[in-house]
């Protein structure tokens, strides 16, 4: 069993923003798997279940808002008796160039509040994560406003491509594991 966690914020106000790329990746995966998201108060999330190849996967979109994402992940792992190594977290990353993808086996939160919440509640940063670069090409005075505001027209198309590629990376990761995925996709 594999858990794919997409980070984002619930509600229409946050749709199309850099901070919701994780949700967008999971929406693409759910469509590909023919899966529908259901609400769970137990997990404080929307979740879906499907198969990638022959491997059962859960898709989890925490409804806790970004800064409390760890609550949903912790509840899900505890209920299903899963380990941090059984998850792949998909999130945006201000330190990567716009549209760049990077998969890591473990690491720090890098200033990302959603990852920080997960690390704090799981007590470890030893879980795989796929990061999607959102670093702007211009100076930003207010990063919170930037990540919570919709992409401009000049970036939306490129980010749609990055989200599609990220969904492919997730599928490849589930089927082939970390090493092969990192070798193939960290160069893009």
N, C-alpha and C. Protein backbone atom coordinates (compact mmCIF):
# COMPACT_ATOMS: atom_id res chain seq x y z
N UNK A 1 0.85 -1.19 0.00
CA UNK A 1 0.00 0.00 0.00
C UNK A 1 0.88 1.24 0.00
N UNK A 2 0.53 2.19 -0.83
CA UNK A 2 1.28 3.44 -0.94
C UNK A 2 0.32 4.59 -0.71
N UNK A 3 0.74 5.57 0.07
CA UNK A 3 -0.05 6.78 0.31
C UNK A 3 0.61 7.95 -0.41
N UNK A 4 -0.16 8.60 -1.28
CA UNK A 4 0.31 9.79 -1.97
C UNK A 4 -0.42 10.97 -1.36
N UNK A 5 0.32 11.90 -0.78
CA UNK A 5 -0.25 13.06 -0.12
C UNK A 5 0.02 14.29 -0.98
N UNK A 6 -1.02 14.98 -1.36
CA UNK A 6 -0.88 16.24 -2.09
C UNK A 6 -1.17 17.38 -1.14
N UNK A 7 -0.24 18.32 -1.03
CA UNK A 7 -0.46 19.44 -0.11
C UNK A 7 -1.15 20.60 -0.80
N UNK A 8 -2.02 21.26 -0.04
CA UNK A 8 -2.75 22.41 -0.55
C UNK A 8 -3.66 22.95 0.53
N UNK A 9 -4.50 23.88 0.14
CA UNK A 9 -5.48 24.48 1.03
C UNK A 9 -6.87 24.24 0.47
N UNK A 10 -7.85 23.92 1.33
CA UNK A 10 -9.20 23.68 0.84
C UNK A 10 -9.90 24.98 0.44
N UNK A 11 -10.84 24.86 -0.46
CA UNK A 11 -11.67 26.00 -0.83
C UNK A 11 -11.31 26.61 -2.17
N UNK A 12 -12.31 27.22 -2.78
CA UNK A 12 -12.15 27.81 -4.11
C UNK A 12 -11.19 29.00 -4.12
N UNK A 13 -11.05 29.68 -2.99
CA UNK A 13 -10.16 30.84 -2.93
C UNK A 13 -8.71 30.47 -3.21
N UNK A 14 -8.35 29.21 -2.99
CA UNK A 14 -6.96 28.79 -3.15
C UNK A 14 -6.71 28.01 -4.44
N UNK A 15 -7.75 27.74 -5.19
CA UNK A 15 -7.58 27.01 -6.46
C UNK A 15 -6.71 27.81 -7.41
N UNK A 16 -5.81 27.12 -8.09
CA UNK A 16 -4.95 27.78 -9.07
C UNK A 16 -3.79 28.55 -8.48
N UNK A 17 -3.53 28.37 -7.19
CA UNK A 17 -2.41 29.07 -6.55
C UNK A 17 -1.20 28.15 -6.45
N UNK A 18 0.00 28.73 -6.33
CA UNK A 18 1.19 27.89 -6.20
C UNK A 18 1.12 26.88 -5.05
N UNK A 19 0.51 27.28 -3.95
CA UNK A 19 0.46 26.40 -2.78
C UNK A 19 -0.46 25.19 -2.97
N UNK A 20 -1.25 25.17 -4.04
CA UNK A 20 -2.20 24.07 -4.25
C UNK A 20 -1.78 23.10 -5.34
N UNK A 21 -0.53 23.14 -5.75
CA UNK A 21 -0.08 22.24 -6.81
C UNK A 21 -0.18 20.77 -6.40
N UNK A 22 0.03 20.46 -5.14
CA UNK A 22 -0.10 19.08 -4.67
C UNK A 22 -1.52 18.55 -4.88
N UNK A 23 -2.52 19.38 -4.59
CA UNK A 23 -3.91 19.00 -4.83
C UNK A 23 -4.14 18.75 -6.32
N UNK A 24 -3.58 19.62 -7.16
CA UNK A 24 -3.78 19.48 -8.60
C UNK A 24 -3.21 18.17 -9.12
N UNK A 25 -2.04 17.78 -8.62
CA UNK A 25 -1.43 16.52 -9.03
C UNK A 25 -2.34 15.36 -8.65
N UNK A 26 -2.89 15.39 -7.44
CA UNK A 26 -3.78 14.30 -7.01
C UNK A 26 -5.08 14.27 -7.82
N UNK A 27 -5.56 15.43 -8.23
CA UNK A 27 -6.76 15.45 -9.08
C UNK A 27 -6.49 14.74 -10.40
N UNK A 28 -5.33 14.98 -10.99
CA UNK A 28 -4.96 14.31 -12.24
C UNK A 28 -4.86 12.81 -12.02
N UNK A 29 -4.20 12.41 -10.93
CA UNK A 29 -4.06 10.98 -10.64
C UNK A 29 -5.41 10.32 -10.42
N UNK A 30 -6.30 10.98 -9.70
CA UNK A 30 -7.63 10.41 -9.46
C UNK A 30 -8.36 10.20 -10.78
N UNK A 31 -8.26 11.17 -11.69
CA UNK A 31 -8.89 11.03 -13.00
C UNK A 31 -8.31 9.82 -13.75
N UNK A 32 -6.99 9.69 -13.73
CA UNK A 32 -6.34 8.57 -14.43
C UNK A 32 -6.75 7.23 -13.83
N UNK A 33 -6.95 7.19 -12.52
CA UNK A 33 -7.29 5.95 -11.83
C UNK A 33 -8.80 5.68 -11.81
N UNK A 34 -9.58 6.63 -12.27
CA UNK A 34 -11.03 6.49 -12.21
C UNK A 34 -11.52 6.49 -10.77
N UNK A 35 -10.82 7.22 -9.92
CA UNK A 35 -11.15 7.25 -8.49
C UNK A 35 -11.84 8.57 -8.15
N UNK A 36 -12.70 8.52 -7.14
CA UNK A 36 -13.39 9.72 -6.67
C UNK A 36 -12.98 10.01 -5.24
N UNK A 37 -12.80 11.28 -4.93
CA UNK A 37 -12.45 11.67 -3.56
C UNK A 37 -13.68 11.65 -2.67
N UNK A 38 -13.48 11.14 -1.47
CA UNK A 38 -14.51 11.13 -0.45
C UNK A 38 -14.00 11.91 0.76
N UNK A 39 -14.90 12.48 1.50
CA UNK A 39 -14.54 13.24 2.69
C UNK A 39 -14.45 12.31 3.90
N UNK A 40 -13.46 12.56 4.75
CA UNK A 40 -13.31 11.78 5.98
C UNK A 40 -12.99 12.71 7.14
N UNK A 41 -13.88 12.75 8.13
CA UNK A 41 -13.58 13.52 9.33
C UNK A 41 -12.52 12.81 10.15
N UNK A 42 -12.47 11.50 10.04
CA UNK A 42 -11.46 10.71 10.76
C UNK A 42 -10.05 11.14 10.35
N UNK A 43 -9.84 11.35 9.05
CA UNK A 43 -8.52 11.75 8.54
C UNK A 43 -8.40 13.26 8.37
N UNK A 44 -9.51 13.98 8.52
CA UNK A 44 -9.55 15.42 8.24
C UNK A 44 -9.05 15.69 6.82
N UNK A 45 -9.53 14.89 5.87
CA UNK A 45 -9.03 14.92 4.50
C UNK A 45 -10.09 14.50 3.51
N UNK A 46 -9.76 14.73 2.24
CA UNK A 46 -10.42 14.05 1.14
C UNK A 46 -9.48 12.93 0.74
N UNK A 47 -10.03 11.76 0.44
CA UNK A 47 -9.16 10.65 0.05
C UNK A 47 -9.83 9.84 -1.06
N UNK A 48 -8.98 9.18 -1.82
CA UNK A 48 -9.44 8.30 -2.89
C UNK A 48 -8.55 7.07 -2.88
N UNK A 49 -9.05 5.99 -3.45
CA UNK A 49 -8.30 4.74 -3.48
C UNK A 49 -8.32 4.21 -4.91
N UNK A 50 -7.19 3.63 -5.34
CA UNK A 50 -7.13 3.07 -6.67
C UNK A 50 -5.91 2.19 -6.83
N UNK A 51 -5.64 1.81 -8.06
CA UNK A 51 -4.48 0.98 -8.38
C UNK A 51 -3.62 1.69 -9.41
N UNK A 52 -2.32 1.71 -9.15
CA UNK A 52 -1.35 2.10 -10.16
C UNK A 52 -0.63 0.82 -10.52
N UNK A 53 -0.90 0.33 -11.73
CA UNK A 53 -0.47 -1.02 -12.08
C UNK A 53 -1.24 -1.98 -11.19
N UNK A 54 -0.52 -2.78 -10.45
CA UNK A 54 -1.15 -3.71 -9.51
C UNK A 54 -1.01 -3.23 -8.06
N UNK A 55 -0.48 -2.04 -7.88
CA UNK A 55 -0.18 -1.55 -6.53
C UNK A 55 -1.31 -0.67 -6.02
N UNK A 56 -1.89 -1.05 -4.86
CA UNK A 56 -2.96 -0.21 -4.28
C UNK A 56 -2.37 1.09 -3.74
N UNK A 57 -3.07 2.18 -4.04
CA UNK A 57 -2.64 3.49 -3.55
C UNK A 57 -3.83 4.24 -2.96
N UNK A 58 -3.52 5.06 -1.98
CA UNK A 58 -4.45 6.04 -1.46
C UNK A 58 -3.94 7.41 -1.87
N UNK A 59 -4.86 8.28 -2.25
CA UNK A 59 -4.56 9.67 -2.53
C UNK A 59 -5.18 10.48 -1.41
N UNK A 60 -4.40 11.35 -0.78
CA UNK A 60 -4.88 12.08 0.39
C UNK A 60 -4.66 13.58 0.21
N UNK A 61 -5.75 14.34 0.33
CA UNK A 61 -5.69 15.80 0.28
C UNK A 61 -6.14 16.31 1.66
N UNK A 62 -5.18 16.70 2.52
CA UNK A 62 -5.56 17.21 3.83
C UNK A 62 -6.45 18.45 3.73
N UNK A 63 -7.50 18.47 4.53
CA UNK A 63 -8.42 19.61 4.58
C UNK A 63 -8.16 20.47 5.81
N UNK A 64 -6.98 20.35 6.36
CA UNK A 64 -6.60 21.04 7.59
C UNK A 64 -6.00 22.41 7.35
N UNK A 65 -5.88 22.81 6.12
CA UNK A 65 -5.08 23.94 5.67
C UNK A 65 -3.61 23.55 5.78
N UNK A 66 -2.82 24.21 4.97
CA UNK A 66 -1.43 23.82 4.76
C UNK A 66 -0.65 23.64 6.06
N UNK A 67 -0.74 24.63 6.96
CA UNK A 67 0.12 24.63 8.14
C UNK A 67 -0.18 23.50 9.13
N UNK A 68 -1.28 22.79 8.94
CA UNK A 68 -1.63 21.69 9.83
C UNK A 68 -1.72 20.36 9.07
N UNK A 69 -1.10 20.28 7.92
CA UNK A 69 -1.17 19.07 7.09
C UNK A 69 -0.74 17.81 7.83
N UNK A 70 0.20 17.93 8.74
CA UNK A 70 0.69 16.79 9.49
C UNK A 70 -0.40 16.07 10.27
N UNK A 71 -1.41 16.80 10.73
CA UNK A 71 -2.50 16.17 11.49
C UNK A 71 -3.20 15.11 10.63
N UNK A 72 -3.50 15.46 9.40
CA UNK A 72 -4.19 14.52 8.51
C UNK A 72 -3.29 13.33 8.17
N UNK A 73 -2.04 13.59 7.85
CA UNK A 73 -1.12 12.51 7.50
C UNK A 73 -0.91 11.58 8.68
N UNK A 74 -0.70 12.14 9.86
CA UNK A 74 -0.49 11.34 11.06
C UNK A 74 -1.71 10.45 11.34
N UNK A 75 -2.90 11.02 11.26
CA UNK A 75 -4.12 10.24 11.51
C UNK A 75 -4.25 9.08 10.52
N UNK A 76 -3.98 9.36 9.24
CA UNK A 76 -4.10 8.34 8.22
C UNK A 76 -3.11 7.21 8.46
N UNK A 77 -1.86 7.57 8.69
CA UNK A 77 -0.82 6.54 8.90
C UNK A 77 -1.12 5.70 10.13
N UNK A 78 -1.54 6.35 11.20
CA UNK A 78 -1.83 5.62 12.43
C UNK A 78 -2.99 4.65 12.23
N UNK A 79 -4.05 5.11 11.57
CA UNK A 79 -5.23 4.26 11.37
C UNK A 79 -4.89 3.05 10.49
N UNK A 80 -4.09 3.26 9.45
CA UNK A 80 -3.77 2.18 8.51
C UNK A 80 -2.47 1.44 8.85
N UNK A 81 -1.89 1.78 10.00
CA UNK A 81 -0.66 1.14 10.47
C UNK A 81 0.43 1.17 9.39
N UNK A 82 0.61 2.36 8.82
CA UNK A 82 1.63 2.57 7.80
C UNK A 82 2.81 3.33 8.40
N UNK A 83 3.92 3.28 7.72
CA UNK A 83 5.15 3.96 8.15
C UNK A 83 5.38 5.20 7.28
N UNK A 84 6.16 6.17 7.78
CA UNK A 84 6.49 7.34 6.96
C UNK A 84 7.10 6.97 5.60
N UNK A 85 7.82 5.88 5.55
CA UNK A 85 8.43 5.45 4.28
C UNK A 85 7.39 4.99 3.26
N UNK A 86 6.13 4.80 3.70
CA UNK A 86 5.05 4.37 2.80
C UNK A 86 4.37 5.54 2.10
N UNK A 87 4.83 6.76 2.36
CA UNK A 87 4.16 7.91 1.77
C UNK A 87 5.06 8.60 0.75
N UNK A 88 4.43 9.34 -0.13
CA UNK A 88 5.11 10.28 -1.02
C UNK A 88 4.32 11.57 -0.92
N UNK A 89 4.97 12.64 -0.48
CA UNK A 89 4.32 13.93 -0.33
C UNK A 89 4.63 14.78 -1.55
N UNK A 90 3.61 15.37 -2.14
CA UNK A 90 3.76 16.24 -3.31
C UNK A 90 3.46 17.67 -2.87
N UNK A 91 4.44 18.57 -3.08
CA UNK A 91 4.26 19.95 -2.65
C UNK A 91 4.96 20.92 -3.59
N UNK A 92 4.62 22.18 -3.41
CA UNK A 92 5.31 23.25 -4.11
C UNK A 92 6.63 23.54 -3.39
N UNK A 93 7.55 24.24 -4.07
CA UNK A 93 8.84 24.57 -3.46
C UNK A 93 9.35 25.90 -4.00
N UNK A 94 9.49 26.87 -3.10
CA UNK A 94 9.96 28.21 -3.46
C UNK A 94 11.44 28.24 -3.83
N UNK A 95 12.18 27.19 -3.51
CA UNK A 95 13.62 27.18 -3.76
C UNK A 95 13.99 26.56 -5.10
N UNK A 96 13.02 25.99 -5.79
CA UNK A 96 13.28 25.40 -7.10
C UNK A 96 12.76 26.32 -8.20
N UNK A 97 13.47 26.39 -9.33
CA UNK A 97 12.98 27.21 -10.44
C UNK A 97 11.58 26.79 -10.87
N UNK A 98 10.84 27.75 -11.38
CA UNK A 98 9.46 27.55 -11.82
C UNK A 98 9.32 26.33 -12.72
N UNK A 99 8.48 25.37 -12.31
CA UNK A 99 8.18 24.19 -13.10
C UNK A 99 9.16 23.04 -12.95
N UNK A 100 10.26 23.24 -12.25
CA UNK A 100 11.27 22.18 -12.07
C UNK A 100 10.76 21.15 -11.07
N UNK A 101 11.01 19.86 -11.32
CA UNK A 101 10.59 18.79 -10.42
C UNK A 101 11.82 18.20 -9.74
N UNK A 102 11.66 17.82 -8.48
CA UNK A 102 12.74 17.20 -7.75
C UNK A 102 12.15 16.21 -6.77
N UNK A 103 12.60 14.95 -6.84
CA UNK A 103 12.15 13.94 -5.88
C UNK A 103 13.30 13.66 -4.92
N UNK A 104 12.98 13.57 -3.65
CA UNK A 104 13.97 13.30 -2.61
C UNK A 104 13.46 12.17 -1.71
N UNK A 105 14.39 11.38 -1.21
CA UNK A 105 14.04 10.27 -0.32
C UNK A 105 13.69 10.76 1.08
N UNK A 106 14.31 11.86 1.49
CA UNK A 106 14.07 12.44 2.82
C UNK A 106 14.61 13.86 2.79
N UNK A 107 14.43 14.58 3.90
CA UNK A 107 14.98 15.92 3.96
C UNK A 107 14.31 16.78 5.00
N UNK A 108 14.64 18.06 4.93
CA UNK A 108 14.07 19.03 5.86
C UNK A 108 12.81 19.63 5.24
N UNK A 109 12.21 20.55 5.95
CA UNK A 109 11.01 21.21 5.43
C UNK A 109 11.36 22.33 4.47
N UNK A 110 12.58 22.83 4.51
CA UNK A 110 13.00 23.88 3.59
C UNK A 110 12.16 25.14 3.66
N UNK A 111 11.55 25.41 4.82
CA UNK A 111 10.71 26.59 4.97
C UNK A 111 9.25 26.37 4.60
N UNK A 112 8.90 25.17 4.15
CA UNK A 112 7.52 24.86 3.75
C UNK A 112 6.73 24.43 4.98
N UNK A 113 5.70 25.20 5.32
CA UNK A 113 4.94 24.95 6.55
C UNK A 113 4.20 23.62 6.54
N UNK A 114 3.73 23.18 5.38
CA UNK A 114 3.05 21.89 5.30
C UNK A 114 4.00 20.74 5.60
N UNK A 115 5.19 20.79 4.99
CA UNK A 115 6.20 19.77 5.27
C UNK A 115 6.65 19.83 6.73
N UNK A 116 6.79 21.04 7.27
CA UNK A 116 7.17 21.20 8.67
C UNK A 116 6.15 20.51 9.58
N UNK A 117 4.88 20.71 9.32
CA UNK A 117 3.83 20.09 10.12
C UNK A 117 3.92 18.56 10.07
N UNK A 118 4.15 18.02 8.89
CA UNK A 118 4.26 16.56 8.74
C UNK A 118 5.48 16.05 9.50
N UNK A 119 6.61 16.72 9.36
CA UNK A 119 7.84 16.30 10.05
C UNK A 119 7.64 16.35 11.55
N UNK A 120 7.03 17.42 12.05
CA UNK A 120 6.82 17.54 13.50
C UNK A 120 5.93 16.43 14.03
N UNK A 121 4.83 16.13 13.35
CA UNK A 121 3.91 15.13 13.88
C UNK A 121 4.39 13.70 13.67
N UNK A 122 5.12 13.44 12.60
CA UNK A 122 5.66 12.09 12.39
C UNK A 122 6.96 11.89 13.18
N UNK A 123 7.57 12.99 13.59
CA UNK A 123 8.83 12.89 14.33
C UNK A 123 10.02 12.55 13.46
N UNK A 124 9.88 12.74 12.16
CA UNK A 124 10.97 12.41 11.23
C UNK A 124 10.76 13.12 9.89
N UNK A 125 11.86 13.38 9.23
CA UNK A 125 11.81 13.88 7.85
C UNK A 125 12.15 12.79 6.87
N UNK A 126 12.20 11.56 7.35
CA UNK A 126 12.55 10.40 6.52
C UNK A 126 11.33 9.87 5.78
N UNK A 127 10.84 10.65 4.85
CA UNK A 127 9.78 10.21 3.96
C UNK A 127 10.02 10.87 2.60
N UNK A 128 9.69 10.16 1.53
CA UNK A 128 9.90 10.70 0.19
C UNK A 128 8.99 11.89 -0.09
N UNK A 129 9.50 12.80 -0.91
CA UNK A 129 8.71 13.95 -1.30
C UNK A 129 9.06 14.36 -2.72
N UNK A 130 8.04 14.80 -3.44
CA UNK A 130 8.19 15.32 -4.79
C UNK A 130 7.86 16.80 -4.72
N UNK A 131 8.83 17.60 -5.09
CA UNK A 131 8.67 19.05 -5.02
C UNK A 131 8.52 19.63 -6.43
N UNK A 132 7.64 20.61 -6.55
CA UNK A 132 7.40 21.30 -7.81
C UNK A 132 7.83 22.75 -7.62
N UNK A 133 8.80 23.18 -8.42
CA UNK A 133 9.34 24.53 -8.27
C UNK A 133 8.36 25.63 -8.62
N UNK A 134 8.33 26.65 -7.75
CA UNK A 134 7.47 27.82 -7.98
C UNK A 134 8.25 29.12 -7.82
N UNK A 135 9.57 29.03 -7.78
CA UNK A 135 10.39 30.23 -7.56
C UNK A 135 10.15 31.24 -8.69
N UNK A 136 9.72 32.44 -8.34
CA UNK A 136 9.45 33.43 -9.38
C UNK A 136 10.75 33.99 -9.96
N UNK A 137 10.64 34.53 -11.17
CA UNK A 137 11.80 35.13 -11.82
C UNK A 137 11.96 36.60 -11.45
N UNK A 138 11.18 37.05 -10.51
CA UNK A 138 11.20 38.46 -10.09
C UNK A 138 11.23 38.51 -8.57
N UNK A 139 11.70 39.61 -8.00
CA UNK A 139 11.73 39.73 -6.53
C UNK A 139 10.31 39.73 -5.95
N UNK A 140 10.16 39.06 -4.83
CA UNK A 140 8.87 38.98 -4.15
C UNK A 140 9.03 39.53 -2.74
N UNK A 141 8.24 40.54 -2.41
CA UNK A 141 8.31 41.14 -1.08
C UNK A 141 7.51 40.33 -0.05
N UNK A 142 6.40 39.75 -0.49
CA UNK A 142 5.51 39.03 0.42
C UNK A 142 5.28 37.61 -0.11
N UNK A 143 6.05 36.66 0.40
CA UNK A 143 5.97 35.28 -0.09
C UNK A 143 4.64 34.63 0.23
N UNK A 144 4.04 34.97 1.35
CA UNK A 144 2.74 34.38 1.69
C UNK A 144 1.70 34.80 0.66
N UNK A 145 1.69 36.08 0.31
CA UNK A 145 0.76 36.55 -0.72
C UNK A 145 1.04 35.86 -2.05
N UNK A 146 2.31 35.68 -2.38
CA UNK A 146 2.68 35.05 -3.64
C UNK A 146 2.15 33.61 -3.74
N UNK A 147 2.37 32.80 -2.70
CA UNK A 147 1.96 31.39 -2.78
C UNK A 147 0.45 31.20 -2.68
N UNK A 148 -0.25 32.21 -2.18
CA UNK A 148 -1.71 32.11 -2.02
C UNK A 148 -2.48 32.89 -3.08
N UNK A 149 -1.77 33.43 -4.07
CA UNK A 149 -2.41 34.16 -5.17
C UNK A 149 -2.33 33.32 -6.44
N UNK A 150 -3.36 33.38 -7.29
CA UNK A 150 -3.33 32.59 -8.52
C UNK A 150 -2.12 32.94 -9.39
N UNK A 151 -1.64 31.94 -10.14
CA UNK A 151 -0.58 32.18 -11.11
C UNK A 151 -1.05 33.18 -12.14
N UNK A 152 -0.12 33.99 -12.62
CA UNK A 152 -0.43 34.88 -13.73
C UNK A 152 -0.54 34.07 -15.02
N UNK A 153 -1.15 34.66 -16.03
CA UNK A 153 -1.33 33.98 -17.31
C UNK A 153 0.00 33.53 -17.92
N UNK A 154 1.06 34.29 -17.67
CA UNK A 154 2.36 33.96 -18.25
C UNK A 154 2.97 32.69 -17.66
N UNK A 155 2.49 32.24 -16.49
CA UNK A 155 3.02 31.02 -15.86
C UNK A 155 2.04 29.86 -15.81
N UNK A 156 0.77 30.14 -15.94
CA UNK A 156 -0.24 29.08 -15.74
C UNK A 156 -0.05 27.91 -16.70
N UNK A 157 0.22 28.18 -17.97
CA UNK A 157 0.40 27.09 -18.94
C UNK A 157 1.60 26.22 -18.61
N UNK A 158 2.72 26.84 -18.28
CA UNK A 158 3.92 26.08 -17.91
C UNK A 158 3.71 25.28 -16.64
N UNK A 159 2.96 25.82 -15.71
CA UNK A 159 2.72 25.09 -14.47
C UNK A 159 1.76 23.94 -14.70
N UNK A 160 0.83 24.09 -15.63
CA UNK A 160 -0.06 22.96 -15.96
C UNK A 160 0.76 21.80 -16.50
N UNK A 161 1.77 22.11 -17.33
CA UNK A 161 2.67 21.07 -17.83
C UNK A 161 3.45 20.42 -16.69
N UNK A 162 3.93 21.23 -15.75
CA UNK A 162 4.69 20.70 -14.61
C UNK A 162 3.83 19.78 -13.75
N UNK A 163 2.57 20.14 -13.57
CA UNK A 163 1.65 19.32 -12.77
C UNK A 163 1.40 17.99 -13.48
N UNK A 164 1.22 18.01 -14.78
CA UNK A 164 1.06 16.77 -15.55
C UNK A 164 2.29 15.88 -15.41
N UNK A 165 3.48 16.48 -15.55
CA UNK A 165 4.73 15.72 -15.40
C UNK A 165 4.85 15.16 -13.99
N UNK A 166 4.44 15.94 -12.99
CA UNK A 166 4.50 15.48 -11.60
C UNK A 166 3.62 14.25 -11.40
N UNK A 167 2.44 14.23 -12.02
CA UNK A 167 1.56 13.06 -11.92
C UNK A 167 2.24 11.84 -12.55
N UNK A 168 2.94 12.04 -13.67
CA UNK A 168 3.70 10.95 -14.29
C UNK A 168 4.80 10.45 -13.36
N UNK A 169 5.48 11.38 -12.68
CA UNK A 169 6.54 11.00 -11.75
C UNK A 169 5.97 10.14 -10.63
N UNK A 170 4.82 10.52 -10.11
CA UNK A 170 4.20 9.74 -9.03
C UNK A 170 3.92 8.32 -9.50
N UNK A 171 3.35 8.19 -10.68
CA UNK A 171 3.05 6.85 -11.21
C UNK A 171 4.33 6.03 -11.39
N UNK A 172 5.33 6.66 -11.94
CA UNK A 172 6.61 5.97 -12.15
C UNK A 172 7.21 5.54 -10.81
N UNK A 173 7.14 6.44 -9.82
CA UNK A 173 7.67 6.15 -8.48
C UNK A 173 6.96 4.93 -7.87
N UNK A 174 5.66 4.90 -7.96
CA UNK A 174 4.90 3.78 -7.37
C UNK A 174 5.30 2.47 -8.04
N UNK A 175 5.48 2.50 -9.35
CA UNK A 175 5.80 1.29 -10.10
C UNK A 175 7.28 0.87 -10.01
N UNK A 176 8.18 1.85 -9.97
CA UNK A 176 9.61 1.54 -10.10
C UNK A 176 10.46 1.88 -8.89
N UNK A 177 9.93 2.62 -7.92
CA UNK A 177 10.70 2.95 -6.73
C UNK A 177 11.48 4.24 -6.86
N UNK A 178 12.16 4.56 -5.79
CA UNK A 178 12.83 5.86 -5.70
C UNK A 178 14.02 6.01 -6.64
N UNK A 179 14.95 5.07 -6.63
CA UNK A 179 16.22 5.24 -7.36
C UNK A 179 16.00 5.48 -8.85
N UNK A 180 15.18 4.65 -9.47
CA UNK A 180 14.92 4.81 -10.89
C UNK A 180 14.20 6.11 -11.20
N UNK A 181 13.29 6.51 -10.32
CA UNK A 181 12.54 7.75 -10.52
C UNK A 181 13.45 8.96 -10.42
N UNK A 182 14.31 8.97 -9.41
CA UNK A 182 15.24 10.09 -9.24
C UNK A 182 16.18 10.18 -10.44
N UNK A 183 16.69 9.06 -10.89
CA UNK A 183 17.61 9.06 -12.03
C UNK A 183 16.94 9.60 -13.29
N UNK A 184 15.68 9.27 -13.48
CA UNK A 184 14.98 9.68 -14.70
C UNK A 184 14.46 11.11 -14.64
N UNK A 185 13.89 11.52 -13.49
CA UNK A 185 13.15 12.77 -13.46
C UNK A 185 13.86 13.94 -12.78
N UNK A 186 14.86 13.73 -11.98
CA UNK A 186 15.50 14.86 -11.33
C UNK A 186 16.30 15.72 -12.32
N UNK A 187 16.49 15.25 -13.52
CA UNK A 187 17.22 16.01 -14.54
C UNK A 187 16.31 16.97 -15.29
N UNK A 188 15.01 16.80 -15.15
CA UNK A 188 14.05 17.61 -15.92
C UNK A 188 13.75 18.92 -15.20
